[in-house]
Amino acid sequence: RLPQVKLVDVKRWTKRGVAWDDVAWRP
């Protein structure tokens, strides 16, 4: 399904500067 996602939406939805410890604790 990933190729069907518009690139403009991928950019708009992408979270940046994420703390990896937070991802590990609250996946």
mmCIF file of all heavy atoms, coordinates in Angstrom:
data_MODEL
# 
_entry.id   MODEL 
# 
loop_
_atom_site.group_PDB 
_atom_site.id 
_atom_site.type_symbol 
_atom_site.label_atom_id 
_atom_site.label_alt_id 
_atom_site.label_comp_id 
_atom_site.label_asym_id 
_atom_site.label_entity_id 
_atom_site.label_seq_id 
_atom_site.pdbx_PDB_ins_code 
_atom_site.Cartn_x 
_atom_site.Cartn_y 
_atom_site.Cartn_z 
_atom_site.occupancy 
_atom_site.B_iso_or_equiv 
_atom_site.pdbx_formal_charge 
_atom_site.auth_seq_id 
_atom_site.auth_comp_id 
_atom_site.auth_asym_id 
_atom_site.auth_atom_id 
_atom_site.pdbx_PDB_model_num 
ATOM 1   N N   . ARG A 1 1  ? 0.797  -1.227 0.000  1.00 0.00 ? 1  ARG A N   1 
ATOM 2   C CA  . ARG A 1 1  ? 0.000  0.000  0.000  1.00 0.00 ? 1  ARG A CA  1 
ATOM 3   C C   . ARG A 1 1  ? 0.832  1.282  0.000  1.00 0.00 ? 1  ARG A C   1 
ATOM 4   O O   . ARG A 1 1  ? 0.350  2.328  -0.436 1.00 0.00 ? 1  ARG A O   1 
ATOM 5   C CB  . ARG A 1 1  ? -0.913 0.005  1.236  1.00 0.00 ? 1  ARG A CB  1 
ATOM 6   C CG  . ARG A 1 1  ? -2.021 -1.038 1.193  1.00 0.00 ? 1  ARG A CG  1 
ATOM 7   C CD  . ARG A 1 1  ? -2.987 -0.748 0.069  1.00 0.00 ? 1  ARG A CD  1 
ATOM 8   N NE  . ARG A 1 1  ? -4.185 -1.607 0.130  1.00 0.00 ? 1  ARG A NE  1 
ATOM 9   C CZ  . ARG A 1 1  ? -5.210 -1.493 -0.718 1.00 0.00 ? 1  ARG A CZ  1 
ATOM 10  N NH1 . ARG A 1 1  ? -5.166 -0.578 -1.674 1.00 0.00 ? 1  ARG A NH1 1 
ATOM 11  N NH2 . ARG A 1 1  ? -6.258 -2.302 -0.596 1.00 0.00 ? 1  ARG A NH2 1 
ATOM 12  N N   . LEU A 1 2  ? 2.055  1.224  0.489  1.00 0.00 ? 2  LEU A N   1 
ATOM 13  C CA  . LEU A 1 2  ? 2.841  2.448  0.647  1.00 0.00 ? 2  LEU A CA  1 
ATOM 14  C C   . LEU A 1 2  ? 3.020  3.243  -0.651 1.00 0.00 ? 2  LEU A C   1 
ATOM 15  O O   . LEU A 1 2  ? 2.976  4.481  -0.620 1.00 0.00 ? 2  LEU A O   1 
ATOM 16  C CB  . LEU A 1 2  ? 4.203  2.126  1.268  1.00 0.00 ? 2  LEU A CB  1 
ATOM 17  C CG  . LEU A 1 2  ? 4.180  1.844  2.772  1.00 0.00 ? 2  LEU A CG  1 
ATOM 18  C CD1 . LEU A 1 2  ? 5.553  1.423  3.259  1.00 0.00 ? 2  LEU A CD1 1 
ATOM 19  C CD2 . LEU A 1 2  ? 3.699  3.077  3.539  1.00 0.00 ? 2  LEU A CD2 1 
ATOM 20  N N   . PRO A 1 3  ? 3.223  2.623  -1.821 1.00 0.00 ? 3  PRO A N   1 
ATOM 21  C CA  . PRO A 1 3  ? 3.357  3.413  -3.044 1.00 0.00 ? 3  PRO A CA  1 
ATOM 22  C C   . PRO A 1 3  ? 2.101  4.202  -3.395 1.00 0.00 ? 3  PRO A C   1 
ATOM 23  O O   . PRO A 1 3  ? 2.161  5.144  -4.203 1.00 0.00 ? 3  PRO A O   1 
ATOM 24  C CB  . PRO A 1 3  ? 3.669  2.364  -4.121 1.00 0.00 ? 3  PRO A CB  1 
ATOM 25  C CG  . PRO A 1 3  ? 4.207  1.199  -3.382 1.00 0.00 ? 3  PRO A CG  1 
ATOM 26  C CD  . PRO A 1 3  ? 3.482  1.191  -2.076 1.00 0.00 ? 3  PRO A CD  1 
ATOM 27  N N   . GLN A 1 4  ? 0.962  3.832  -2.802 1.00 0.00 ? 4  GLN A N   1 
ATOM 28  C CA  . GLN A 1 4  ? -0.288 4.524  -3.102 1.00 0.00 ? 4  GLN A CA  1 
ATOM 29  C C   . GLN A 1 4  ? -0.485 5.778  -2.257 1.00 0.00 ? 4  GLN A C   1 
ATOM 30  O O   . GLN A 1 4  ? -1.446 6.515  -2.463 1.00 0.00 ? 4  GLN A O   1 
ATOM 31  C CB  . GLN A 1 4  ? -1.454 3.557  -2.894 1.00 0.00 ? 4  GLN A CB  1 
ATOM 32  C CG  . GLN A 1 4  ? -1.377 2.312  -3.762 1.00 0.00 ? 4  GLN A CG  1 
ATOM 33  C CD  . GLN A 1 4  ? -2.462 1.298  -3.409 1.00 0.00 ? 4  GLN A CD  1 
ATOM 34  O OE1 . GLN A 1 4  ? -3.529 1.646  -2.931 1.00 0.00 ? 4  GLN A OE1 1 
ATOM 35  N NE2 . GLN A 1 4  ? -2.177 0.031  -3.658 1.00 0.00 ? 4  GLN A NE2 1 
ATOM 36  N N   . VAL A 1 5  ? 0.410  6.007  -1.312 1.00 0.00 ? 5  VAL A N   1 
ATOM 37  C CA  . VAL A 1 5  ? 0.320  7.201  -0.482 1.00 0.00 ? 5  VAL A CA  1 
ATOM 38  C C   . VAL A 1 5  ? 1.032  8.342  -1.206 1.00 0.00 ? 5  VAL A C   1 
ATOM 39  O O   . VAL A 1 5  ? 2.197  8.207  -1.600 1.00 0.00 ? 5  VAL A O   1 
ATOM 40  C CB  . VAL A 1 5  ? 0.962  6.981  0.899  1.00 0.00 ? 5  VAL A CB  1 
ATOM 41  C CG1 . VAL A 1 5  ? 0.728  8.187  1.789  1.00 0.00 ? 5  VAL A CG1 1 
ATOM 42  C CG2 . VAL A 1 5  ? 0.398  5.721  1.553  1.00 0.00 ? 5  VAL A CG2 1 
ATOM 43  N N   . LYS A 1 6  ? 0.350  9.449  -1.392 1.00 0.00 ? 6  LYS A N   1 
ATOM 44  C CA  . LYS A 1 6  ? 0.939  10.585 -2.091 1.00 0.00 ? 6  LYS A CA  1 
ATOM 45  C C   . LYS A 1 6  ? 2.127  11.131 -1.300 1.00 0.00 ? 6  LYS A C   1 
ATOM 46  O O   . LYS A 1 6  ? 2.082  11.215 -0.071 1.00 0.00 ? 6  LYS A O   1 
ATOM 47  C CB  . LYS A 1 6  ? -0.111 11.670 -2.289 1.00 0.00 ? 6  LYS A CB  1 
ATOM 48  C CG  . LYS A 1 6  ? -1.240 11.251 -3.211 1.00 0.00 ? 6  LYS A CG  1 
ATOM 49  C CD  . LYS A 1 6  ? -2.433 12.186 -3.121 1.00 0.00 ? 6  LYS A CD  1 
ATOM 50  C CE  . LYS A 1 6  ? -2.091 13.570 -3.592 1.00 0.00 ? 6  LYS A CE  1 
ATOM 51  N NZ  . LYS A 1 6  ? -3.288 14.445 -3.612 1.00 0.00 ? 6  LYS A NZ  1 
ATOM 52  N N   . LEU A 1 7  ? 3.164  11.507 -2.015 1.00 0.00 ? 7  LEU A N   1 
ATOM 53  C CA  . LEU A 1 7  ? 4.377  12.000 -1.371 1.00 0.00 ? 7  LEU A CA  1 
ATOM 54  C C   . LEU A 1 7  ? 4.123  13.260 -0.556 1.00 0.00 ? 7  LEU A C   1 
ATOM 55  O O   . LEU A 1 7  ? 4.742  13.476 0.486  1.00 0.00 ? 7  LEU A O   1 
ATOM 56  C CB  . LEU A 1 7  ? 5.460  12.255 -2.420 1.00 0.00 ? 7  LEU A CB  1 
ATOM 57  C CG  . LEU A 1 7  ? 5.998  11.015 -3.140 1.00 0.00 ? 7  LEU A CG  1 
ATOM 58  C CD1 . LEU A 1 7  ? 7.020  11.412 -4.192 1.00 0.00 ? 7  LEU A CD1 1 
ATOM 59  C CD2 . LEU A 1 7  ? 6.609  10.040 -2.145 1.00 0.00 ? 7  LEU A CD2 1 
ATOM 60  N N   . VAL A 1 8  ? 3.207  14.088 -1.037 1.00 0.00 ? 8  VAL A N   1 
ATOM 61  C CA  . VAL A 1 8  ? 2.905  15.312 -0.287 1.00 0.00 ? 8  VAL A CA  1 
ATOM 62  C C   . VAL A 1 8  ? 2.271  14.974 1.052  1.00 0.00 ? 8  VAL A C   1 
ATOM 63  O O   . VAL A 1 8  ? 2.516  15.651 2.066  1.00 0.00 ? 8  VAL A O   1 
ATOM 64  C CB  . VAL A 1 8  ? 1.996  16.246 -1.116 1.00 0.00 ? 8  VAL A CB  1 
ATOM 65  C CG1 . VAL A 1 8  ? 0.621  15.634 -1.349 1.00 0.00 ? 8  VAL A CG1 1 
ATOM 66  C CG2 . VAL A 1 8  ? 1.878  17.605 -0.446 1.00 0.00 ? 8  VAL A CG2 1 
ATOM 67  N N   . ASP A 1 9  ? 1.484  13.886 1.096  1.00 0.00 ? 9  ASP A N   1 
ATOM 68  C CA  . ASP A 1 9  ? 0.882  13.464 2.356  1.00 0.00 ? 9  ASP A CA  1 
ATOM 69  C C   . ASP A 1 9  ? 1.925  12.827 3.277  1.00 0.00 ? 9  ASP A C   1 
ATOM 70  O O   . ASP A 1 9  ? 1.895  13.035 4.497  1.00 0.00 ? 9  ASP A O   1 
ATOM 71  C CB  . ASP A 1 9  ? -0.255 12.476 2.093  1.00 0.00 ? 9  ASP A CB  1 
ATOM 72  C CG  . ASP A 1 9  ? -1.478 13.151 1.486  1.00 0.00 ? 9  ASP A CG  1 
ATOM 73  O OD1 . ASP A 1 9  ? -1.642 14.372 1.704  1.00 0.00 ? 9  ASP A OD1 1 
ATOM 74  O OD2 . ASP A 1 9  ? -2.257 12.472 0.796  1.00 0.00 ? 9  ASP A OD2 1 
ATOM 75  N N   . VAL A 1 10 ? 2.840  12.055 2.688  1.00 0.00 ? 10 VAL A N   1 
ATOM 76  C CA  . VAL A 1 10 ? 3.904  11.470 3.505  1.00 0.00 ? 10 VAL A CA  1 
ATOM 77  C C   . VAL A 1 10 ? 4.693  12.581 4.196  1.00 0.00 ? 10 VAL A C   1 
ATOM 78  O O   . VAL A 1 10 ? 4.985  12.506 5.393  1.00 0.00 ? 10 VAL A O   1 
ATOM 79  C CB  . VAL A 1 10 ? 4.838  10.597 2.643  1.00 0.00 ? 10 VAL A CB  1 
ATOM 80  C CG1 . VAL A 1 10 ? 6.050  10.151 3.455  1.00 0.00 ? 10 VAL A CG1 1 
ATOM 81  C CG2 . VAL A 1 10 ? 4.089  9.387  2.100  1.00 0.00 ? 10 VAL A CG2 1 
ATOM 82  N N   . LYS A 1 11 ? 5.034  13.615 3.449  1.00 0.00 ? 11 LYS A N   1 
ATOM 83  C CA  . LYS A 1 11 ? 5.780  14.724 4.050  1.00 0.00 ? 11 LYS A CA  1 
ATOM 84  C C   . LYS A 1 11 ? 4.947  15.414 5.128  1.00 0.00 ? 11 LYS A C   1 
ATOM 85  O O   . LYS A 1 11 ? 5.457  15.761 6.198  1.00 0.00 ? 11 LYS A O   1 
ATOM 86  C CB  . LYS A 1 11 ? 6.194  15.722 2.975  1.00 0.00 ? 11 LYS A CB  1 
ATOM 87  C CG  . LYS A 1 11 ? 6.979  16.896 3.538  1.00 0.00 ? 11 LYS A CG  1 
ATOM 88  C CD  . LYS A 1 11 ? 7.412  17.866 2.456  1.00 0.00 ? 11 LYS A CD  1 
ATOM 89  C CE  . LYS A 1 11 ? 8.206  19.017 3.064  1.00 0.00 ? 11 LYS A CE  1 
ATOM 90  N NZ  . LYS A 1 11 ? 8.647  19.997 2.046  1.00 0.00 ? 11 LYS A NZ  1 
ATOM 91  N N   . ARG A 1 12 ? 3.664  15.614 4.849  1.00 0.00 ? 12 ARG A N   1 
ATOM 92  C CA  . ARG A 1 12 ? 2.793  16.335 5.781  1.00 0.00 ? 12 ARG A CA  1 
ATOM 93  C C   . ARG A 1 12 ? 2.597  15.554 7.084  1.00 0.00 ? 12 ARG A C   1 
ATOM 94  O O   . ARG A 1 12 ? 2.506  16.147 8.167  1.00 0.00 ? 12 ARG A O   1 
ATOM 95  C CB  . ARG A 1 12 ? 1.441  16.581 5.097  1.00 0.00 ? 12 ARG A CB  1 
ATOM 96  C CG  . ARG A 1 12 ? 0.414  17.322 5.920  1.00 0.00 ? 12 ARG A CG  1 
ATOM 97  C CD  . ARG A 1 12 ? -0.647 17.899 4.990  1.00 0.00 ? 12 ARG A CD  1 
ATOM 98  N NE  . ARG A 1 12 ? -1.302 16.870 4.205  1.00 0.00 ? 12 ARG A NE  1 
ATOM 99  C CZ  . ARG A 1 12 ? -2.462 16.319 4.519  1.00 0.00 ? 12 ARG A CZ  1 
ATOM 100 N NH1 . ARG A 1 12 ? -3.076 16.680 5.634  1.00 0.00 ? 12 ARG A NH1 1 
ATOM 101 N NH2 . ARG A 1 12 ? -3.016 15.414 3.753  1.00 0.00 ? 12 ARG A NH2 1 
ATOM 102 N N   . TRP A 1 13 ? 2.573  14.231 6.978  1.00 0.00 ? 13 TRP A N   1 
ATOM 103 C CA  . TRP A 1 13 ? 2.279  13.406 8.154  1.00 0.00 ? 13 TRP A CA  1 
ATOM 104 C C   . TRP A 1 13 ? 3.525  12.947 8.901  1.00 0.00 ? 13 TRP A C   1 
ATOM 105 O O   . TRP A 1 13 ? 3.416  12.414 10.010 1.00 0.00 ? 13 TRP A O   1 
ATOM 106 C CB  . TRP A 1 13 ? 1.480  12.174 7.721  1.00 0.00 ? 13 TRP A CB  1 
ATOM 107 C CG  . TRP A 1 13 ? 0.106  12.499 7.211  1.00 0.00 ? 13 TRP A CG  1 
ATOM 108 C CD1 . TRP A 1 13 ? -0.676 13.550 7.576  1.00 0.00 ? 13 TRP A CD1 1 
ATOM 109 C CD2 . TRP A 1 13 ? -0.649 11.748 6.245  1.00 0.00 ? 13 TRP A CD2 1 
ATOM 110 N NE1 . TRP A 1 13 ? -1.870 13.521 6.896  1.00 0.00 ? 13 TRP A NE1 1 
ATOM 111 C CE2 . TRP A 1 13 ? -1.885 12.416 6.067  1.00 0.00 ? 13 TRP A CE2 1 
ATOM 112 C CE3 . TRP A 1 13 ? -0.416 10.586 5.507  1.00 0.00 ? 13 TRP A CE3 1 
ATOM 113 C CZ2 . TRP A 1 13 ? -2.871 11.958 5.195  1.00 0.00 ? 13 TRP A CZ2 1 
ATOM 114 C CZ3 . TRP A 1 13 ? -1.394 10.123 4.644  1.00 0.00 ? 13 TRP A CZ3 1 
ATOM 115 C CH2 . TRP A 1 13 ? -2.605 10.809 4.495  1.00 0.00 ? 13 TRP A CH2 1 
ATOM 116 N N   . THR A 1 14 ? 4.688  13.116 8.334  1.00 0.00 ? 14 THR A N   1 
ATOM 117 C CA  . THR A 1 14 ? 5.901  12.581 8.960  1.00 0.00 ? 14 THR A CA  1 
ATOM 118 C C   . THR A 1 14 ? 6.270  13.354 10.227 1.00 0.00 ? 14 THR A C   1 
ATOM 119 O O   . THR A 1 14 ? 6.361  14.585 10.218 1.00 0.00 ? 14 THR A O   1 
ATOM 120 C CB  . THR A 1 14 ? 7.080  12.622 7.972  1.00 0.00 ? 14 THR A CB  1 
ATOM 121 O OG1 . THR A 1 14 ? 6.785  11.776 6.851  1.00 0.00 ? 14 THR A OG1 1 
ATOM 122 C CG2 . THR A 1 14 ? 8.360  12.146 8.636  1.00 0.00 ? 14 THR A CG2 1 
ATOM 123 N N   . LYS A 1 15 ? 6.487  12.607 11.304 1.00 0.00 ? 15 LYS A N   1 
ATOM 124 C CA  . LYS A 1 15 ? 6.932  13.207 12.569 1.00 0.00 ? 15 LYS A CA  1 
ATOM 125 C C   . LYS A 1 15 ? 8.456  13.295 12.549 1.00 0.00 ? 15 LYS A C   1 
ATOM 126 O O   . LYS A 1 15 ? 9.139  12.323 12.237 1.00 0.00 ? 15 LYS A O   1 
ATOM 127 C CB  . LYS A 1 15 ? 6.480  12.353 13.760 1.00 0.00 ? 15 LYS A CB  1 
ATOM 128 C CG  . LYS A 1 15 ? 4.969  12.231 13.900 1.00 0.00 ? 15 LYS A CG  1 
ATOM 129 C CD  . LYS A 1 15 ? 4.601  11.364 15.090 1.00 0.00 ? 15 LYS A CD  1 
ATOM 130 C CE  . LYS A 1 15 ? 3.093  11.204 15.230 1.00 0.00 ? 15 LYS A CE  1 
ATOM 131 N NZ  . LYS A 1 15 ? 2.417  12.483 15.516 1.00 0.00 ? 15 LYS A NZ  1 
ATOM 132 N N   . ARG A 1 16 ? 8.986  14.451 12.901 1.00 0.00 ? 16 ARG A N   1 
ATOM 133 C CA  . ARG A 1 16 ? 10.427 14.682 12.874 1.00 0.00 ? 16 ARG A CA  1 
ATOM 134 C C   . ARG A 1 16 ? 10.947 14.975 14.280 1.00 0.00 ? 16 ARG A C   1 
ATOM 135 O O   . ARG A 1 16 ? 10.208 15.474 15.129 1.00 0.00 ? 16 ARG A O   1 
ATOM 136 C CB  . ARG A 1 16 ? 10.762 15.829 11.920 1.00 0.00 ? 16 ARG A CB  1 
ATOM 137 C CG  . ARG A 1 16 ? 10.295 15.568 10.486 1.00 0.00 ? 16 ARG A CG  1 
ATOM 138 C CD  . ARG A 1 16 ? 10.509 16.758 9.572  1.00 0.00 ? 16 ARG A CD  1 
ATOM 139 N NE  . ARG A 1 16 ? 9.972  16.488 8.244  1.00 0.00 ? 16 ARG A NE  1 
ATOM 140 C CZ  . ARG A 1 16 ? 10.641 15.878 7.271  1.00 0.00 ? 16 ARG A CZ  1 
ATOM 141 N NH1 . ARG A 1 16 ? 11.910 15.504 7.495  1.00 0.00 ? 16 ARG A NH1 1 
ATOM 142 N NH2 . ARG A 1 16 ? 10.089 15.645 6.093  1.00 0.00 ? 16 ARG A NH2 1 
ATOM 143 N N   . GLY A 1 17 ? 12.204 14.682 14.469 1.00 0.00 ? 17 GLY A N   1 
ATOM 144 C CA  . GLY A 1 17 ? 12.815 14.952 15.768 1.00 0.00 ? 17 GLY A CA  1 
ATOM 145 C C   . GLY A 1 17 ? 12.256 14.110 16.893 1.00 0.00 ? 17 GLY A C   1 
ATOM 146 O O   . GLY A 1 17 ? 12.208 14.555 18.050 1.00 0.00 ? 17 GLY A O   1 
ATOM 147 N N   . VAL A 1 18 ? 11.842 12.917 16.560 1.00 0.00 ? 18 VAL A N   1 
ATOM 148 C CA  . VAL A 1 18 ? 11.234 12.036 17.566 1.00 0.00 ? 18 VAL A CA  1 
ATOM 149 C C   . VAL A 1 18 ? 12.309 11.519 18.522 1.00 0.00 ? 18 VAL A C   1 
ATOM 150 O O   . VAL A 1 18 ? 13.425 11.169 18.119 1.00 0.00 ? 18 VAL A O   1 
ATOM 151 C CB  . VAL A 1 18 ? 10.520 10.864 16.871 1.00 0.00 ? 18 VAL A CB  1 
ATOM 152 C CG1 . VAL A 1 18 ? 10.104 9.803  17.875 1.00 0.00 ? 18 VAL A CG1 1 
ATOM 153 C CG2 . VAL A 1 18 ? 9.318  11.369 16.089 1.00 0.00 ? 18 VAL A CG2 1 
ATOM 154 N N   . ALA A 1 19 ? 11.960 11.465 19.814 1.00 0.00 ? 19 ALA A N   1 
ATOM 155 C CA  . ALA A 1 19 ? 12.847 10.872 20.827 1.00 0.00 ? 19 ALA A CA  1 
ATOM 156 C C   . ALA A 1 19 ? 12.658 9.357  20.804 1.00 0.00 ? 19 ALA A C   1 
ATOM 157 O O   . ALA A 1 19 ? 11.555 8.862  21.083 1.00 0.00 ? 19 ALA A O   1 
ATOM 158 C CB  . ALA A 1 19 ? 12.535 11.436 22.208 1.00 0.00 ? 19 ALA A CB  1 
ATOM 159 N N   . TRP A 1 20 ? 13.726 8.620  20.461 1.00 0.00 ? 20 TRP A N   1 
ATOM 160 C CA  . TRP A 1 20 ? 13.590 7.171  20.310 1.00 0.00 ? 20 TRP A CA  1 
ATOM 161 C C   . TRP A 1 20 ? 13.258 6.478  21.625 1.00 0.00 ? 20 TRP A C   1 
ATOM 162 O O   . TRP A 1 20 ? 12.575 5.444  21.632 1.00 0.00 ? 20 TRP A O   1 
ATOM 163 C CB  . TRP A 1 20 ? 14.871 6.601  19.703 1.00 0.00 ? 20 TRP A CB  1 
ATOM 164 C CG  . TRP A 1 20 ? 15.214 7.202  18.366 1.00 0.00 ? 20 TRP A CG  1 
ATOM 165 C CD1 . TRP A 1 20 ? 16.370 7.802  18.011 1.00 0.00 ? 20 TRP A CD1 1 
ATOM 166 C CD2 . TRP A 1 20 ? 14.353 7.260  17.208 1.00 0.00 ? 20 TRP A CD2 1 
ATOM 167 N NE1 . TRP A 1 20 ? 16.304 8.244  16.708 1.00 0.00 ? 20 TRP A NE1 1 
ATOM 168 C CE2 . TRP A 1 20 ? 15.073 7.916  16.195 1.00 0.00 ? 20 TRP A CE2 1 
ATOM 169 C CE3 . TRP A 1 20 ? 13.046 6.829  16.942 1.00 0.00 ? 20 TRP A CE3 1 
ATOM 170 C CZ2 . TRP A 1 20 ? 14.538 8.162  14.936 1.00 0.00 ? 20 TRP A CZ2 1 
ATOM 171 C CZ3 . TRP A 1 20 ? 12.508 7.066  15.693 1.00 0.00 ? 20 TRP A CZ3 1 
ATOM 172 C CH2 . TRP A 1 20 ? 13.248 7.721  14.706 1.00 0.00 ? 20 TRP A CH2 1 
ATOM 173 N N   . ASP A 1 21 ? 13.686 7.027  22.724 1.00 0.00 ? 21 ASP A N   1 
ATOM 174 C CA  . ASP A 1 21 ? 13.323 6.445  24.019 1.00 0.00 ? 21 ASP A CA  1 
ATOM 175 C C   . ASP A 1 21 ? 11.813 6.499  24.225 1.00 0.00 ? 21 ASP A C   1 
ATOM 176 O O   . ASP A 1 21 ? 11.216 5.558  24.780 1.00 0.00 ? 21 ASP A O   1 
ATOM 177 C CB  . ASP A 1 21 ? 14.029 7.191  25.157 1.00 0.00 ? 21 ASP A CB  1 
ATOM 178 C CG  . ASP A 1 21 ? 15.520 6.890  25.221 1.00 0.00 ? 21 ASP A CG  1 
ATOM 179 O OD1 . ASP A 1 21 ? 15.933 5.886  24.604 1.00 0.00 ? 21 ASP A OD1 1 
ATOM 180 O OD2 . ASP A 1 21 ? 16.257 7.651  25.871 1.00 0.00 ? 21 ASP A OD2 1 
ATOM 181 N N   . ASP A 1 22 ? 11.200 7.588  23.760 1.00 0.00 ? 22 ASP A N   1 
ATOM 182 C CA  . ASP A 1 22 ? 9.751  7.710  23.900 1.00 0.00 ? 22 ASP A CA  1 
ATOM 183 C C   . ASP A 1 22 ? 9.035  6.683  23.019 1.00 0.00 ? 22 ASP A C   1 
ATOM 184 O O   . ASP A 1 22 ? 8.010  6.117  23.414 1.00 0.00 ? 22 ASP A O   1 
ATOM 185 C CB  . ASP A 1 22 ? 9.312  9.123  23.533 1.00 0.00 ? 22 ASP A CB  1 
ATOM 186 C CG  . ASP A 1 22 ? 7.857  9.383  23.880 1.00 0.00 ? 22 ASP A CG  1 
ATOM 187 O OD1 . ASP A 1 22 ? 7.480  9.183  25.053 1.00 0.00 ? 22 ASP A OD1 1 
ATOM 188 O OD2 . ASP A 1 22 ? 7.089  9.770  22.969 1.00 0.00 ? 22 ASP A OD2 1 
ATOM 189 N N   . VAL A 1 23 ? 9.583  6.450  21.815 1.00 0.00 ? 23 VAL A N   1 
ATOM 190 C CA  . VAL A 1 23 ? 8.999  5.429  20.936 1.00 0.00 ? 23 VAL A CA  1 
ATOM 191 C C   . VAL A 1 23 ? 9.077  4.053  21.598 1.00 0.00 ? 23 VAL A C   1 
ATOM 192 O O   . VAL A 1 23 ? 8.115  3.268  21.557 1.00 0.00 ? 23 VAL A O   1 
ATOM 193 C CB  . VAL A 1 23 ? 9.729  5.414  19.577 1.00 0.00 ? 23 VAL A CB  1 
ATOM 194 C CG1 . VAL A 1 23 ? 9.184  4.285  18.692 1.00 0.00 ? 23 VAL A CG1 1 
ATOM 195 C CG2 . VAL A 1 23 ? 9.589  6.752  18.871 1.00 0.00 ? 23 VAL A CG2 1 
ATOM 196 N N   . ALA A 1 24 ? 10.204 3.776  22.219 1.00 0.00 ? 24 ALA A N   1 
ATOM 197 C CA  . ALA A 1 24 ? 10.375 2.470  22.863 1.00 0.00 ? 24 ALA A CA  1 
ATOM 198 C C   . ALA A 1 24 ? 9.453  2.298  24.056 1.00 0.00 ? 24 ALA A C   1 
ATOM 199 O O   . ALA A 1 24 ? 8.937  1.195  24.304 1.00 0.00 ? 24 ALA A O   1 
ATOM 200 C CB  . ALA A 1 24 ? 11.843 2.295  23.296 1.00 0.00 ? 24 ALA A CB  1 
ATOM 201 N N   . TRP A 1 25 ? 9.215  3.357  24.821 1.00 0.00 ? 25 TRP A N   1 
ATOM 202 C CA  . TRP A 1 25 ? 8.373  3.281  26.001 1.00 0.00 ? 25 TRP A CA  1 
ATOM 203 C C   . TRP A 1 25 ? 6.888  3.329  25.666 1.00 0.00 ? 25 TRP A C   1 
ATOM 204 O O   . TRP A 1 25 ? 6.072  2.711  26.352 1.00 0.00 ? 25 TRP A O   1 
ATOM 205 C CB  . TRP A 1 25 ? 8.720  4.412  26.970 1.00 0.00 ? 25 TRP A CB  1 
ATOM 206 C CG  . TRP A 1 25 ? 9.942  4.142  27.789 1.00 0.00 ? 25 TRP A CG  1 
ATOM 207 C CD1 . TRP A 1 25 ? 11.190 4.660  27.613 1.00 0.00 ? 25 TRP A CD1 1 
ATOM 208 C CD2 . TRP A 1 25 ? 10.036 3.265  28.903 1.00 0.00 ? 25 TRP A CD2 1 
ATOM 209 N NE1 . TRP A 1 25 ? 12.066 4.159  28.538 1.00 0.00 ? 25 TRP A NE1 1 
ATOM 210 C CE2 . TRP A 1 25 ? 11.378 3.303  29.351 1.00 0.00 ? 25 TRP A CE2 1 
ATOM 211 C CE3 . TRP A 1 25 ? 9.116  2.444  29.572 1.00 0.00 ? 25 TRP A CE3 1 
ATOM 212 C CZ2 . TRP A 1 25 ? 11.832 2.556  30.437 1.00 0.00 ? 25 TRP A CZ2 1 
ATOM 213 C CZ3 . TRP A 1 25 ? 9.584  1.697  30.651 1.00 0.00 ? 25 TRP A CZ3 1 
ATOM 214 C CH2 . TRP A 1 25 ? 10.913 1.748  31.074 1.00 0.00 ? 25 TRP A CH2 1 
ATOM 215 N N   . ARG A 1 26 ? 6.523  4.083  24.639 1.00 0.00 ? 26 ARG A N   1 
ATOM 216 C CA  . ARG A 1 26 ? 5.098  4.235  24.298 1.00 0.00 ? 26 ARG A CA  1 
ATOM 217 C C   . ARG A 1 26 ? 4.882  3.944  22.817 1.00 0.00 ? 26 ARG A C   1 
ATOM 218 O O   . ARG A 1 26 ? 4.501  4.822  22.034 1.00 0.00 ? 26 ARG A O   1 
ATOM 219 C CB  . ARG A 1 26 ? 4.630  5.651  24.635 1.00 0.00 ? 26 ARG A CB  1 
ATOM 220 C CG  . ARG A 1 26 ? 4.764  5.996  26.119 1.00 0.00 ? 26 ARG A CG  1 
ATOM 221 C CD  . ARG A 1 26 ? 4.101  7.329  26.427 1.00 0.00 ? 26 ARG A CD  1 
ATOM 222 N NE  . ARG A 1 26 ? 4.721  8.443  25.704 1.00 0.00 ? 26 ARG A NE  1 
ATOM 223 C CZ  . ARG A 1 26 ? 4.230  9.685  25.693 1.00 0.00 ? 26 ARG A CZ  1 
ATOM 224 N NH1 . ARG A 1 26 ? 3.119  9.963  26.344 1.00 0.00 ? 26 ARG A NH1 1 
ATOM 225 N NH2 . ARG A 1 26 ? 4.870  10.644 25.026 1.00 0.00 ? 26 ARG A NH2 1 
ATOM 226 N N   . PRO A 1 27 ? 5.117  2.719  22.395 1.00 0.00 ? 27 PRO A N   1 
ATOM 227 C CA  . PRO A 1 27 ? 5.044  2.396  20.957 1.00 0.00 ? 27 PRO A CA  1 
ATOM 228 C C   . PRO A 1 27 ? 3.660  2.586  20.358 1.00 0.00 ? 27 PRO A C   1 
ATOM 229 O O   . PRO A 1 27 ? 3.534  2.901  19.169 1.00 0.00 ? 27 PRO A O   1 
ATOM 230 C CB  . PRO A 1 27 ? 5.471  0.930  20.910 1.00 0.00 ? 27 PRO A CB  1 
ATOM 231 C CG  . PRO A 1 27 ? 5.186  0.394  22.284 1.00 0.00 ? 27 PRO A CG  1 
ATOM 232 C CD  . PRO A 1 27 ? 5.445  1.530  23.208 1.00 0.00 ? 27 PRO A CD  1 
# 
